[in-house]
Amino acid sequence: MGCYECCMRCLGGIPYTSLVATLLCFSGIALFCGCGHQALTETERIIETYFARNLQDYITLAYLIQYFQYIIYGLASFFFLYCVVLLAEGFYTTSAVKQTFGEFRSTECGRCLSTTFIVITYFLAVIWLLVFALSALPVFFFYNMASTCHTINILSETPSSINQLCVDARQYGLLPWNAMPGKACGMTLANVCKTREFFLTYDLYIAAFAGAGITLLALVHCPLHLAVWRELLKEQRRREKAERRQRAMFGQLLTERRGSLCSPYALNTEDG
């Protein structure tokens, strides 16, 4: 075997679809977990500084943020292991199986693994769809803040009007209704929007939302690939069963004729 044939054989054993899904999942989870963790920390700082004066007003939010950060740690660990196993399963079902059994053959273990990953990934995609929707909520909150600040900057020449423009954190469930002040209005809100913390937190939430979308794309991409691969295997197994049945019938007929059965496609040795 030459160098070119060896390289092509190695490249043919790479599970490109599983590799793409793994890279998408890794990058999406890295964006979601890294940016989401830091965005939660910055959100707590903004609420503490501009929307709440008493510690008791935002202590519940602080605990929730801490719990969400612990969940992020768990998600990062789980998806890291999941992506590693997914990539290993992709290599098994493409490289090792092709090399041992042929292009479209598989073992019972390989089929069981594929079915298991299809089911697990399907449920993960459904759950992650909810996470993707929830990750849009903080983006919506900060988008409303940015839009209100933009309106305040336009109406800055009429102070009586801009004082009526507010963002109330209590309406979004971030603070209890008895929290004081609980909202930022007018130029105070405009000054909040000019801070580094606001721009950083807004960008981090957008990046986390994009990471959730990339992860969802990977989770949808993976089961589709595995389902198509299983259908190809089923079709090939049906063809092989039909071929074995035909060979068995031919062998039985040959035995009954005591080896005197000849092919109807015998070569014609005479010149045409």
C-alpha atoms as a PDB file:
ATOM      1  CA  MET A   1       0.000   0.000   0.000  1.00  0.00           C
ATOM      2  CA  GLY A   2       1.417   3.344  -1.055  1.00  0.00           C
ATOM      3  CA  CYS A   3       1.558   6.524   0.981  1.00  0.00           C
ATOM      4  CA  TYR A   4      -1.388   8.041  -0.888  1.00  0.00           C
ATOM      5  CA  GLU A   5      -3.610   4.994  -0.332  1.00  0.00           C
ATOM      6  CA  CYS A   6      -2.644   4.894   3.339  1.00  0.00           C
ATOM      7  CA  CYS A   7      -3.475   8.585   3.817  1.00  0.00           C
ATOM      8  CA  MET A   8      -6.807   8.245   2.025  1.00  0.00           C
ATOM      9  CA  ARG A   9      -7.677   5.225   4.141  1.00  0.00           C
ATOM     10  CA  CYS A  10      -6.902   7.152   7.326  1.00  0.00           C
ATOM     11  CA  LEU A  11      -8.894  10.171   6.160  1.00  0.00           C
ATOM     12  CA  GLY A  12     -11.780   7.903   5.239  1.00  0.00           C
ATOM     13  CA  GLY A  13     -11.940   6.658   8.819  1.00  0.00           C
ATOM     14  CA  ILE A  14     -12.433  10.137  10.303  1.00  0.00           C
ATOM     15  CA  PRO A  15     -16.042  10.751  11.422  1.00  0.00           C
ATOM     16  CA  TYR A  16     -16.342  14.225   9.917  1.00  0.00           C
ATOM     17  CA  THR A  17     -19.980  14.698  10.879  1.00  0.00           C
ATOM     18  CA  SER A  18     -19.374  13.669  14.486  1.00  0.00           C
ATOM     19  CA  LEU A  19     -16.243  15.825  14.520  1.00  0.00           C
ATOM     20  CA  VAL A  20     -18.189  18.887  13.355  1.00  0.00           C
ATOM     21  CA  ALA A  21     -20.915  18.228  15.935  1.00  0.00           C
ATOM     22  CA  THR A  22     -18.300  17.832  18.675  1.00  0.00           C
ATOM     23  CA  LEU A  23     -16.516  21.067  17.761  1.00  0.00           C
ATOM     24  CA  LEU A  24     -19.829  22.938  17.631  1.00  0.00           C
ATOM     25  CA  CYS A  25     -20.849  21.534  21.003  1.00  0.00           C
ATOM     26  CA  PHE A  26     -17.478  22.344  22.593  1.00  0.00           C
ATOM     27  CA  SER A  27     -17.443  25.922  21.303  1.00  0.00           C
ATOM     28  CA  GLY A  28     -21.097  26.515  22.188  1.00  0.00           C
ATOM     29  CA  ILE A  29     -20.752  25.212  25.726  1.00  0.00           C
ATOM     30  CA  ALA A  30     -17.521  27.173  26.228  1.00  0.00           C
ATOM     31  CA  LEU A  31     -19.271  30.385  25.164  1.00  0.00           C
ATOM     32  CA  PHE A  32     -22.402  29.705  27.175  1.00  0.00           C
ATOM     33  CA  CYS A  33     -20.696  28.622  30.395  1.00  0.00           C
ATOM     34  CA  GLY A  34     -17.797  31.084  30.358  1.00  0.00           C
ATOM     35  CA  CYS A  35     -19.728  34.172  29.315  1.00  0.00           C
ATOM     36  CA  GLY A  36     -22.823  33.211  31.301  1.00  0.00           C
ATOM     37  CA  HIS A  37     -20.849  32.763  34.518  1.00  0.00           C
ATOM     38  CA  GLN A  38     -19.169  36.157  34.230  1.00  0.00           C
ATOM     39  CA  ALA A  39     -22.396  37.854  33.113  1.00  0.00           C
ATOM     40  CA  LEU A  40     -24.188  36.635  36.243  1.00  0.00           C
ATOM     41  CA  THR A  41     -21.427  38.078  38.410  1.00  0.00           C
ATOM     42  CA  GLU A  42     -21.644  41.445  36.644  1.00  0.00           C
ATOM     43  CA  THR A  43     -25.448  41.420  36.913  1.00  0.00           C
ATOM     44  CA  GLU A  44     -25.256  41.017  40.673  1.00  0.00           C
ATOM     45  CA  ARG A  45     -22.875  43.962  40.836  1.00  0.00           C
ATOM     46  CA  ILE A  46     -25.165  46.198  38.732  1.00  0.00           C
ATOM     47  CA  ILE A  47     -28.274  45.325  40.766  1.00  0.00           C
ATOM     48  CA  GLU A  48     -26.412  45.862  44.025  1.00  0.00           C
ATOM     49  CA  THR A  49     -25.022  49.236  42.944  1.00  0.00           C
ATOM     50  CA  TYR A  50     -27.920  50.892  41.098  1.00  0.00           C
ATOM     51  CA  PHE A  51     -31.187  49.123  41.924  1.00  0.00           C
ATOM     52  CA  ALA A  52     -31.036  48.039  45.582  1.00  0.00           C
ATOM     53  CA  ARG A  53     -29.841  49.770  48.720  1.00  0.00           C
ATOM     54  CA  ASN A  54     -30.508  47.085  51.289  1.00  0.00           C
ATOM     55  CA  LEU A  55     -28.766  43.719  51.305  1.00  0.00           C
ATOM     56  CA  GLN A  56     -32.020  41.950  52.130  1.00  0.00           C
ATOM     57  CA  ASP A  57     -33.556  43.244  48.902  1.00  0.00           C
ATOM     58  CA  TYR A  58     -31.212  41.322  46.620  1.00  0.00           C
ATOM     59  CA  ILE A  59     -30.017  38.490  48.860  1.00  0.00           C
ATOM     60  CA  THR A  60     -32.407  36.072  47.113  1.00  0.00           C
ATOM     61  CA  LEU A  61     -31.065  37.130  43.722  1.00  0.00           C
ATOM     62  CA  ALA A  62     -27.509  36.630  44.981  1.00  0.00           C
ATOM     63  CA  TYR A  63     -28.325  33.075  46.072  1.00  0.00           C
ATOM     64  CA  LEU A  64     -30.009  32.319  42.745  1.00  0.00           C
ATOM     65  CA  ILE A  65     -26.992  33.609  40.846  1.00  0.00           C
ATOM     66  CA  GLN A  66     -24.735  31.412  42.956  1.00  0.00           C
ATOM     67  CA  TYR A  67     -26.905  28.359  42.270  1.00  0.00           C
ATOM     68  CA  PHE A  68     -26.940  29.093  38.537  1.00  0.00           C
ATOM     69  CA  GLN A  69     -23.157  29.323  38.560  1.00  0.00           C
ATOM     70  CA  TYR A  70     -22.948  25.897  40.201  1.00  0.00           C
ATOM     71  CA  ILE A  71     -25.284  24.571  37.502  1.00  0.00           C
ATOM     72  CA  ILE A  72     -22.958  26.045  34.884  1.00  0.00           C
ATOM     73  CA  TYR A  73     -20.041  24.116  36.410  1.00  0.00           C
ATOM     74  CA  GLY A  74     -22.064  20.912  36.150  1.00  0.00           C
ATOM     75  CA  LEU A  75     -23.119  21.636  32.569  1.00  0.00           C
ATOM     76  CA  ALA A  76     -19.528  22.247  31.516  1.00  0.00           C
ATOM     77  CA  SER A  77     -18.367  18.944  33.030  1.00  0.00           C
ATOM     78  CA  PHE A  78     -21.291  16.948  31.635  1.00  0.00           C
ATOM     79  CA  PHE A  79     -20.995  18.260  28.084  1.00  0.00           C
ATOM     80  CA  PHE A  80     -17.228  17.798  28.103  1.00  0.00           C
ATOM     81  CA  LEU A  81     -17.688  14.095  28.845  1.00  0.00           C
ATOM     82  CA  TYR A  82     -20.600  13.858  26.429  1.00  0.00           C
ATOM     83  CA  CYS A  83     -18.592  15.349  23.561  1.00  0.00           C
ATOM     84  CA  VAL A  84     -15.655  13.027  24.231  1.00  0.00           C
ATOM     85  CA  VAL A  85     -17.914   9.958  24.219  1.00  0.00           C
ATOM     86  CA  LEU A  86     -19.730  11.240  21.137  1.00  0.00           C
ATOM     87  CA  LEU A  87     -16.480  11.656  19.230  1.00  0.00           C
ATOM     88  CA  ALA A  88     -15.267   8.229  20.363  1.00  0.00           C
ATOM     89  CA  GLU A  89     -18.543   6.675  19.204  1.00  0.00           C
ATOM     90  CA  GLY A  90     -18.136   8.418  15.864  1.00  0.00           C
ATOM     91  CA  PHE A  91     -14.644   6.995  15.398  1.00  0.00           C
ATOM     92  CA  TYR A  92     -15.858   3.541  16.393  1.00  0.00           C
ATOM     93  CA  THR A  93     -18.751   3.462  13.970  1.00  0.00           C
ATOM     94  CA  THR A  94     -16.733   4.800  11.034  1.00  0.00           C
ATOM     95  CA  SER A  95     -13.066   3.891  11.298  1.00  0.00           C
ATOM     96  CA  ALA A  96     -12.845   0.625  13.239  1.00  0.00           C
ATOM     97  CA  VAL A  97     -16.067  -0.843  11.918  1.00  0.00           C
ATOM     98  CA  LYS A  98     -15.280   0.066   8.314  1.00  0.00           C
ATOM     99  CA  GLN A  99     -11.834  -1.451   8.634  1.00  0.00           C
ATOM    100  CA  THR A 100     -13.168  -4.698  10.116  1.00  0.00           C
ATOM    101  CA  PHE A 101     -16.545  -5.300   8.506  1.00  0.00           C
ATOM    102  CA  GLY A 102     -16.700  -3.186   5.385  1.00  0.00           C
ATOM    103  CA  GLU A 103     -18.200   0.082   4.316  1.00  0.00           C
ATOM    104  CA  PHE A 104     -21.751  -0.344   5.620  1.00  0.00           C
ATOM    105  CA  ARG A 105     -21.454  -3.092   8.247  1.00  0.00           C
ATOM    106  CA  SER A 106     -21.916  -2.717  11.982  1.00  0.00           C
ATOM    107  CA  THR A 107     -21.972  -4.813  15.137  1.00  0.00           C
ATOM    108  CA  GLU A 108     -24.795  -5.121  17.650  1.00  0.00           C
ATOM    109  CA  CYS A 109     -22.753  -3.002  20.074  1.00  0.00           C
ATOM    110  CA  GLY A 110     -22.345  -0.265  17.484  1.00  0.00           C
ATOM    111  CA  ARG A 111     -26.050  -0.241  16.675  1.00  0.00           C
ATOM    112  CA  CYS A 112     -26.899  -0.140  20.382  1.00  0.00           C
ATOM    113  CA  LEU A 113     -24.526   2.788  20.914  1.00  0.00           C
ATOM    114  CA  SER A 114     -26.015   4.690  18.005  1.00  0.00           C
ATOM    115  CA  THR A 115     -29.561   4.136  19.244  1.00  0.00           C
ATOM    116  CA  THR A 116     -28.584   5.208  22.749  1.00  0.00           C
ATOM    117  CA  PHE A 117     -26.965   8.402  21.504  1.00  0.00           C
ATOM    118  CA  ILE A 118     -29.955   9.235  19.321  1.00  0.00           C
ATOM    119  CA  VAL A 119     -32.306   8.942  22.316  1.00  0.00           C
ATOM    120  CA  ILE A 120     -30.005  10.792  24.735  1.00  0.00           C
ATOM    121  CA  THR A 121     -29.248  13.565  22.274  1.00  0.00           C
ATOM    122  CA  TYR A 122     -32.933  13.953  21.424  1.00  0.00           C
ATOM    123  CA  PHE A 123     -33.820  14.556  25.078  1.00  0.00           C
ATOM    124  CA  LEU A 124     -30.814  16.855  25.487  1.00  0.00           C
ATOM    125  CA  ALA A 125     -31.938  18.886  22.473  1.00  0.00           C
ATOM    126  CA  VAL A 126     -35.438  19.276  23.931  1.00  0.00           C
ATOM    127  CA  ILE A 127     -34.065  20.360  27.316  1.00  0.00           C
ATOM    128  CA  TRP A 128     -31.498  22.652  25.727  1.00  0.00           C
ATOM    129  CA  LEU A 129     -34.223  24.301  23.661  1.00  0.00           C
ATOM    130  CA  LEU A 130     -35.672  25.514  26.972  1.00  0.00           C
ATOM    131  CA  VAL A 131     -32.230  26.716  28.087  1.00  0.00           C
ATOM    132  CA  PHE A 132     -31.849  28.554  24.779  1.00  0.00           C
ATOM    133  CA  ALA A 133     -35.185  30.310  25.325  1.00  0.00           C
ATOM    134  CA  LEU A 134     -34.323  31.243  28.921  1.00  0.00           C
ATOM    135  CA  SER A 135     -30.939  32.632  27.886  1.00  0.00           C
ATOM    136  CA  ALA A 136     -32.782  35.186  25.751  1.00  0.00           C
ATOM    137  CA  LEU A 137     -34.464  36.758  28.811  1.00  0.00           C
ATOM    138  CA  PRO A 138     -31.420  38.667  30.148  1.00  0.00           C
ATOM    139  CA  VAL A 139     -30.625  39.792  26.601  1.00  0.00           C
ATOM    140  CA  PHE A 140     -34.168  41.158  26.374  1.00  0.00           C
ATOM    141  CA  PHE A 141     -33.766  42.959  29.729  1.00  0.00           C
ATOM    142  CA  PHE A 142     -30.521  44.664  28.767  1.00  0.00           C
ATOM    143  CA  TYR A 143     -31.860  45.456  25.301  1.00  0.00           C
ATOM    144  CA  ASN A 144     -34.770  47.285  26.920  1.00  0.00           C
ATOM    145  CA  MET A 145     -32.321  49.171  29.127  1.00  0.00           C
ATOM    146  CA  ALA A 146     -30.226  50.178  26.122  1.00  0.00           C
ATOM    147  CA  SER A 147     -33.324  51.274  24.177  1.00  0.00           C
ATOM    148  CA  THR A 148     -34.583  53.348  27.110  1.00  0.00           C
ATOM    149  CA  CYS A 149     -31.179  54.973  27.520  1.00  0.00           C
ATOM    150  CA  HIS A 150     -31.125  55.793  23.811  1.00  0.00           C
ATOM    151  CA  THR A 151     -34.520  57.475  24.158  1.00  0.00           C
ATOM    152  CA  ILE A 152     -33.278  59.432  27.181  1.00  0.00           C
ATOM    153  CA  ASN A 153     -30.272  60.686  25.230  1.00  0.00           C
ATOM    154  CA  ILE A 154     -32.566  61.881  22.446  1.00  0.00           C
ATOM    155  CA  LEU A 155     -34.889  63.674  24.908  1.00  0.00           C
ATOM    156  CA  SER A 156     -32.109  65.029  27.097  1.00  0.00           C
ATOM    157  CA  GLU A 157     -33.210  68.630  26.434  1.00  0.00           C
ATOM    158  CA  THR A 158     -36.535  68.063  28.213  1.00  0.00           C
ATOM    159  CA  PRO A 159     -35.720  66.869  31.766  1.00  0.00           C
ATOM    160  CA  SER A 160     -39.369  66.619  32.778  1.00  0.00           C
ATOM    161  CA  SER A 161     -39.963  63.987  30.121  1.00  0.00           C
ATOM    162  CA  ILE A 162     -36.910  61.844  30.698  1.00  0.00           C
ATOM    163  CA  ASN A 163     -37.594  61.460  34.423  1.00  0.00           C
ATOM    164  CA  GLN A 164     -40.640  59.400  33.502  1.00  0.00           C
ATOM    165  CA  LEU A 165     -38.527  56.906  31.557  1.00  0.00           C
ATOM    166  CA  CYS A 166     -37.488  54.120  33.912  1.00  0.00           C
ATOM    167  CA  VAL A 167     -36.319  50.521  34.013  1.00  0.00           C
ATOM    168  CA  ASP A 168     -37.837  48.668  36.948  1.00  0.00           C
ATOM    169  CA  ALA A 169     -35.927  45.541  37.948  1.00  0.00           C
ATOM    170  CA  ARG A 170     -38.902  44.459  40.064  1.00  0.00           C
ATOM    171  CA  GLN A 171     -41.041  43.993  36.959  1.00  0.00           C
ATOM    172  CA  TYR A 172     -38.601  41.372  35.694  1.00  0.00           C
ATOM    173  CA  GLY A 173     -38.609  39.442  38.966  1.00  0.00           C
ATOM    174  CA  LEU A 174     -35.034  40.388  39.820  1.00  0.00           C
ATOM    175  CA  LEU A 175     -36.044  42.145  43.043  1.00  0.00           C
ATOM    176  CA  PRO A 176     -39.034  41.903  45.406  1.00  0.00           C
ATOM    177  CA  TRP A 177     -41.741  44.544  45.076  1.00  0.00           C
ATOM    178  CA  ASN A 178     -40.801  46.164  48.390  1.00  0.00           C
ATOM    179  CA  ALA A 179     -37.196  46.754  47.259  1.00  0.00           C
ATOM    180  CA  MET A 180     -36.069  50.369  47.238  1.00  0.00           C
ATOM    181  CA  PRO A 181     -35.522  52.057  44.877  1.00  0.00           C
ATOM    182  CA  GLY A 182     -35.902  48.998  42.629  1.00  0.00           C
ATOM    183  CA  LYS A 183     -35.712  51.094  39.480  1.00  0.00           C
ATOM    184  CA  ALA A 184     -33.500  53.611  37.700  1.00  0.00           C
ATOM    185  CA  CYS A 185     -34.969  56.623  35.901  1.00  0.00           C
ATOM    186  CA  GLY A 186     -33.898  59.576  33.791  1.00  0.00           C
ATOM    187  CA  MET A 187     -30.277  60.608  33.816  1.00  0.00           C
ATOM    188  CA  THR A 188     -29.494  58.051  36.512  1.00  0.00           C
ATOM    189  CA  LEU A 189     -30.441  55.307  34.078  1.00  0.00           C
ATOM    190  CA  ALA A 190     -28.504  57.038  31.289  1.00  0.00           C
ATOM    191  CA  ASN A 191     -25.411  57.079  33.494  1.00  0.00           C
ATOM    192  CA  VAL A 192     -25.858  53.375  34.227  1.00  0.00           C
ATOM    193  CA  CYS A 193     -25.899  52.638  30.501  1.00  0.00           C
ATOM    194  CA  LYS A 194     -22.595  54.479  30.066  1.00  0.00           C
ATOM    195  CA  THR A 195     -20.723  52.337  32.566  1.00  0.00           C
ATOM    196  CA  ARG A 196     -18.278  49.623  31.604  1.00  0.00           C
ATOM    197  CA  GLU A 197     -20.226  47.061  33.634  1.00  0.00           C
ATOM    198  CA  PHE A 198     -23.361  47.591  31.551  1.00  0.00           C
ATOM    199  CA  PHE A 199     -21.648  47.163  28.168  1.00  0.00           C
ATOM    200  CA  LEU A 200     -19.630  44.191  29.407  1.00  0.00           C
ATOM    201  CA  THR A 201     -22.657  42.423  30.869  1.00  0.00           C
ATOM    202  CA  TYR A 202     -24.767  43.081  27.768  1.00  0.00           C
ATOM    203  CA  ASP A 203     -22.074  41.676  25.475  1.00  0.00           C
ATOM    204  CA  LEU A 204     -21.539  38.662  27.730  1.00  0.00           C
ATOM    205  CA  TYR A 205     -25.227  37.775  27.686  1.00  0.00           C
ATOM    206  CA  ILE A 206     -25.310  38.077  23.895  1.00  0.00           C
ATOM    207  CA  ALA A 207     -22.290  35.759  23.654  1.00  0.00           C
ATOM    208  CA  ALA A 208     -23.904  33.289  26.075  1.00  0.00           C
ATOM    209  CA  PHE A 209     -27.102  33.361  24.008  1.00  0.00           C
ATOM    210  CA  ALA A 210     -25.079  32.689  20.846  1.00  0.00           C
ATOM    211  CA  GLY A 211     -23.281  29.827  22.605  1.00  0.00           C
ATOM    212  CA  ALA A 212     -26.617  28.282  23.579  1.00  0.00           C
ATOM    213  CA  GLY A 213     -27.713  28.520  19.945  1.00  0.00           C
ATOM    214  CA  ILE A 214     -24.519  26.848  18.702  1.00  0.00           C
ATOM    215  CA  THR A 215     -24.955  24.042  21.227  1.00  0.00           C
ATOM    216  CA  LEU A 216     -28.561  23.549  20.138  1.00  0.00           C
ATOM    217  CA  LEU A 217     -27.400  23.359  16.519  1.00  0.00           C
ATOM    218  CA  ALA A 218     -24.872  20.669  17.455  1.00  0.00           C
ATOM    219  CA  LEU A 219     -27.487  18.676  19.388  1.00  0.00           C
ATOM    220  CA  VAL A 220     -29.863  18.793  16.413  1.00  0.00           C
ATOM    221  CA  HIS A 221     -27.098  17.997  13.915  1.00  0.00           C
ATOM    222  CA  CYS A 222     -25.860  14.901  15.767  1.00  0.00           C
ATOM    223  CA  PRO A 223     -29.070  12.809  16.000  1.00  0.00           C
ATOM    224  CA  LEU A 224     -29.931  13.580  12.386  1.00  0.00           C
ATOM    225  CA  HIS A 225     -26.563  12.208  11.298  1.00  0.00           C
ATOM    226  CA  LEU A 226     -26.909   9.121  13.485  1.00  0.00           C
ATOM    227  CA  ALA A 227     -30.455   8.486  12.254  1.00  0.00           C
ATOM    228  CA  VAL A 228     -29.387   8.697   8.597  1.00  0.00           C
ATOM    229  CA  TRP A 229     -26.436   6.410   9.303  1.00  0.00           C
ATOM    230  CA  ARG A 230     -28.738   3.830  10.909  1.00  0.00           C
ATOM    231  CA  GLU A 231     -31.090   3.921   7.929  1.00  0.00           C
ATOM    232  CA  LEU A 232     -28.155   3.248   5.603  1.00  0.00           C
ATOM    233  CA  LEU A 233     -27.133   0.288   7.728  1.00  0.00           C
ATOM    234  CA  LYS A 234     -30.673  -1.092   7.762  1.00  0.00           C
ATOM    235  CA  GLU A 235     -30.943  -0.807   3.994  1.00  0.00           C
ATOM    236  CA  GLN A 236     -27.590  -2.525   3.513  1.00  0.00           C
ATOM    237  CA  ARG A 237     -28.561  -5.326   5.918  1.00  0.00           C
ATOM    238  CA  ARG A 238     -31.803  -5.884   4.009  1.00  0.00           C
ATOM    239  CA  ARG A 239     -29.855  -6.171   0.766  1.00  0.00           C
ATOM    240  CA  GLU A 240     -27.391  -8.604   2.313  1.00  0.00           C
ATOM    241  CA  LYS A 241     -30.215 -10.779   3.679  1.00  0.00           C
ATOM    242  CA  ALA A 242     -31.834 -10.861   0.245  1.00  0.00           C
ATOM    243  CA  GLU A 243     -28.503 -11.825  -1.363  1.00  0.00           C
ATOM    244  CA  ARG A 244     -27.905 -14.585   1.206  1.00  0.00           C
ATOM    245  CA  ARG A 245     -31.424 -15.897   0.647  1.00  0.00           C
ATOM    246  CA  GLN A 246     -30.854 -16.002  -3.111  1.00  0.00           C
ATOM    247  CA  ARG A 247     -27.513 -17.771  -2.693  1.00  0.00           C
ATOM    248  CA  ALA A 248     -29.114 -20.301  -0.341  1.00  0.00           C
ATOM    249  CA  MET A 249     -31.888 -20.985  -2.838  1.00  0.00           C
ATOM    250  CA  PHE A 250     -29.348 -21.384  -5.636  1.00  0.00           C
ATOM    251  CA  GLY A 251     -27.251 -23.747  -3.513  1.00  0.00           C
ATOM    252  CA  GLN A 252     -30.299 -25.832  -2.616  1.00  0.00           C
ATOM    253  CA  LEU A 253     -31.334 -26.019  -6.258  1.00  0.00           C
ATOM    254  CA  LEU A 254     -27.789 -26.976  -7.243  1.00  0.00           C
ATOM    255  CA  THR A 255     -27.803 -29.775  -4.676  1.00  0.00           C
ATOM    256  CA  GLU A 256     -31.123 -31.099  -5.925  1.00  0.00           C
ATOM    257  CA  ARG A 257     -29.807 -31.136  -9.493  1.00  0.00           C
ATOM    258  CA  ARG A 258     -26.640 -32.893  -8.200  1.00  0.00           C
ATOM    259  CA  GLY A 259     -24.313 -30.250  -9.516  1.00  0.00           C
ATOM    260  CA  SER A 260     -25.685 -30.330 -13.043  1.00  0.00           C
ATOM    261  CA  LEU A 261     -27.113 -26.842 -12.888  1.00  0.00           C
ATOM    262  CA  CYS A 262     -25.397 -24.503 -15.350  1.00  0.00           C
ATOM    263  CA  SER A 263     -25.481 -20.771 -15.559  1.00  0.00           C
ATOM    264  CA  PRO A 264     -27.697 -19.369 -18.327  1.00  0.00           C
ATOM    265  CA  TYR A 265     -24.964 -16.832 -18.995  1.00  0.00           C
ATOM    266  CA  ALA A 266     -22.288 -19.244 -20.190  1.00  0.00           C
ATOM    267  CA  LEU A 267     -19.570 -17.746 -22.252  1.00  0.00           C
ATOM    268  CA  ASN A 268     -19.866 -18.182 -26.007  1.00  0.00           C
ATOM    269  CA  THR A 269     -16.506 -19.360 -27.246  1.00  0.00           C
ATOM    270  CA  GLU A 270     -17.461 -19.237 -30.909  1.00  0.00           C
ATOM    271  CA  ASP A 271     -16.630 -16.230 -33.006  1.00  0.00           C
ATOM    272  CA  GLY A 272     -19.635 -14.067 -33.798  1.00  0.00           C
END
